[in-house]
Amino acid sequence: MSPEPFYADYIEWFNSGSSDVVNKVFSWIEIPVQDIERAARFYGQLLGREVTITDVPPRRMATLYFEPNEVGGSLLQSPGVEPGNQGAHVYLNAGRGSDLEAMIERVRTLGAEIVVPVTPMGNDGRFASFRDTEGNILSLFAEH
């Protein structure tokens, strides 16, 4: 069985050698989930974008962001991959200034728990952390 169109396009682009991603520290982030439909609804509403689920058996993924030569990411439901608060910590871009508070309000409205309130990071900006619908703890970061 061949991969779904998005995944096939991503593989072709990545293997083409035309990507500047090779020179970046991060190229792709996957957030583990137990229920891809629930997680896609949560992140789609949180980020204000359509999130499409793609089946690449035995994996199911929902792309949050993909543009050639930029860091992208997806939700991932796959055997042996479990959400949780142990492991890498992901910061989502919350924009600037009061955009952080707007995203925190969306997190609350969507039923997720704020686990670290807005916290200053010196001159760099501010962040807050939340537990998503799958049990992962992520953070939102906003520049000043």
Protein backbone atom coordinates (compact mmCIF):
# COMPACT_ATOMS: atom_id res chain seq x y z
CA MET A 1 0.00 0.00 0.00
CA SER A 2 1.46 3.37 -0.95
CA PRO A 3 1.50 6.29 1.50
CA GLU A 4 -1.23 8.92 1.47
CA PRO A 5 -0.51 11.88 -0.91
CA PHE A 6 0.76 14.31 1.76
CA TYR A 7 3.18 11.81 3.24
CA ALA A 8 4.45 10.79 -0.22
CA ASP A 9 5.00 14.47 -1.13
CA TYR A 10 6.87 15.04 2.15
CA ILE A 11 9.15 12.04 1.56
CA GLU A 12 9.87 13.13 -2.02
CA TRP A 13 10.65 16.71 -0.92
CA PHE A 14 12.82 15.62 2.01
CA ASN A 15 14.80 13.11 -0.08
CA SER A 16 15.28 15.57 -2.96
CA GLY A 17 18.22 17.24 -1.24
CA SER A 18 16.79 20.67 -2.02
CA SER A 19 15.81 21.26 1.57
CA ASP A 20 17.52 23.79 3.81
CA VAL A 21 16.10 21.78 6.73
CA VAL A 22 19.36 19.80 6.78
CA ASN A 23 21.06 22.90 8.21
CA LYS A 24 18.51 23.38 11.00
CA VAL A 25 18.54 21.65 14.36
CA PHE A 26 14.88 20.62 14.16
CA SER A 27 13.06 19.52 11.02
CA TRP A 28 9.90 17.78 12.23
CA ILE A 29 8.10 17.38 15.56
CA GLU A 30 5.56 14.66 16.32
CA ILE A 31 3.22 14.95 19.30
CA PRO A 32 2.05 11.50 20.43
CA VAL A 33 -1.71 11.01 20.86
CA GLN A 34 -4.09 8.20 21.82
CA ASP A 35 -7.14 9.50 19.92
CA ILE A 36 -6.18 11.22 16.66
CA GLU A 37 -9.67 12.60 15.98
CA ARG A 38 -9.96 14.18 19.44
CA ALA A 39 -6.43 15.59 19.29
CA ALA A 40 -6.94 16.94 15.74
CA ARG A 41 -10.09 18.77 16.90
CA PHE A 42 -8.28 20.19 19.95
CA TYR A 43 -5.21 21.44 18.05
CA GLY A 44 -7.21 22.59 15.04
CA GLN A 45 -9.34 24.79 17.29
CA LEU A 46 -6.38 25.91 19.42
CA LEU A 47 -4.28 26.92 16.42
CA GLY A 48 -7.20 28.13 14.30
CA ARG A 49 -6.40 25.92 11.32
CA GLU A 50 -7.75 22.88 9.53
CA VAL A 51 -6.00 19.70 10.61
CA THR A 52 -6.32 16.76 8.21
CA ILE A 53 -5.78 13.18 9.35
CA THR A 54 -3.61 10.96 7.13
CA ASP A 55 -3.37 7.19 7.47
CA VAL A 56 0.05 5.64 6.86
CA PRO A 57 -0.54 2.19 8.40
CA PRO A 58 0.06 1.43 11.13
CA ARG A 59 0.52 5.15 11.83
CA ARG A 60 -2.14 7.85 11.79
CA MET A 61 -0.96 11.44 11.65
CA ALA A 62 -2.53 14.87 11.52
CA THR A 63 -0.28 17.58 10.15
CA LEU A 64 -0.27 20.81 12.16
CA TYR A 65 2.17 22.68 9.91
CA PHE A 66 4.23 21.84 6.83
CA GLU A 67 6.02 24.20 4.46
CA PRO A 68 9.18 23.23 2.55
CA ASN A 69 12.38 24.42 4.25
CA GLU A 70 10.62 25.18 7.54
CA VAL A 71 10.19 23.21 10.74
CA GLY A 72 6.87 21.40 10.76
CA GLY A 73 4.98 19.03 12.95
CA SER A 74 2.12 16.64 13.36
CA LEU A 75 0.09 14.65 15.81
CA LEU A 76 0.96 10.94 15.76
CA GLN A 77 -1.10 7.91 16.77
CA SER A 78 0.98 4.76 16.38
CA PRO A 79 1.48 1.43 18.14
CA GLY A 80 4.07 1.76 20.90
CA VAL A 81 3.90 5.56 20.98
CA GLU A 82 2.28 6.92 24.14
CA PRO A 83 1.52 10.51 25.13
CA GLY A 84 2.80 11.77 28.45
CA ASN A 85 4.90 14.34 30.24
CA GLN A 86 8.24 12.52 30.04
CA GLY A 87 10.58 13.31 27.16
CA ALA A 88 11.04 16.23 24.83
CA HIS A 89 9.15 19.42 25.64
CA VAL A 90 7.47 21.29 22.78
CA TYR A 91 6.83 25.05 22.74
CA LEU A 92 4.15 26.25 20.32
CA ASN A 93 4.43 29.75 18.89
CA ALA A 94 1.84 32.00 20.55
CA GLY A 95 2.86 35.15 18.67
CA ARG A 96 3.61 38.38 20.54
CA GLY A 97 2.33 40.20 23.59
CA SER A 98 -1.30 39.53 24.47
CA ASP A 99 -1.56 36.74 21.85
CA LEU A 100 -0.37 34.43 24.64
CA GLU A 101 -3.39 35.24 26.83
CA ALA A 102 -5.74 34.66 23.88
CA MET A 103 -4.26 31.22 23.29
CA ILE A 104 -4.41 30.37 27.00
CA GLU A 105 -8.09 31.27 26.98
CA ARG A 106 -8.60 28.93 23.99
CA VAL A 107 -6.75 26.17 25.89
CA ARG A 108 -9.14 26.60 28.83
CA THR A 109 -12.21 26.78 26.57
CA LEU A 110 -11.15 23.53 24.89
CA GLY A 111 -11.02 21.82 28.28
CA ALA A 112 -7.27 21.50 28.72
CA GLU A 113 -5.54 22.24 32.02
CA ILE A 114 -3.06 25.08 32.54
CA VAL A 115 -0.20 23.56 34.55
CA VAL A 116 2.19 26.55 34.54
CA PRO A 117 0.65 30.04 34.42
CA VAL A 118 2.13 32.84 32.32
CA THR A 119 5.77 33.06 33.34
CA PRO A 120 8.32 35.70 32.22
CA MET A 121 11.51 34.52 30.50
CA GLY A 122 13.50 37.71 30.96
CA ASN A 123 13.94 39.70 27.76
CA ASP A 124 13.04 36.71 25.58
CA GLY A 125 9.30 36.65 26.21
CA ARG A 126 6.79 34.69 28.27
CA PHE A 127 5.42 31.17 28.35
CA ALA A 128 2.66 29.06 29.89
CA SER A 129 2.28 25.28 29.93
CA PHE A 130 -0.80 23.09 29.54
CA ARG A 131 -1.83 19.42 29.61
CA ASP A 132 -3.59 18.60 26.32
CA THR A 133 -6.51 16.23 25.76
CA GLU A 134 -4.06 13.32 25.38
CA GLY A 135 -2.06 13.91 28.58
CA ASN A 136 0.96 15.62 26.95
CA ILE A 137 2.36 18.73 28.57
CA LEU A 138 3.28 21.44 26.05
CA SER A 139 4.02 25.14 26.36
CA LEU A 140 2.97 28.27 24.52
CA PHE A 141 5.69 30.89 23.97
CA ALA A 142 5.19 34.53 23.01
CA GLU A 143 7.78 37.20 22.37
CA HIS A 144 7.31 40.58 24.07
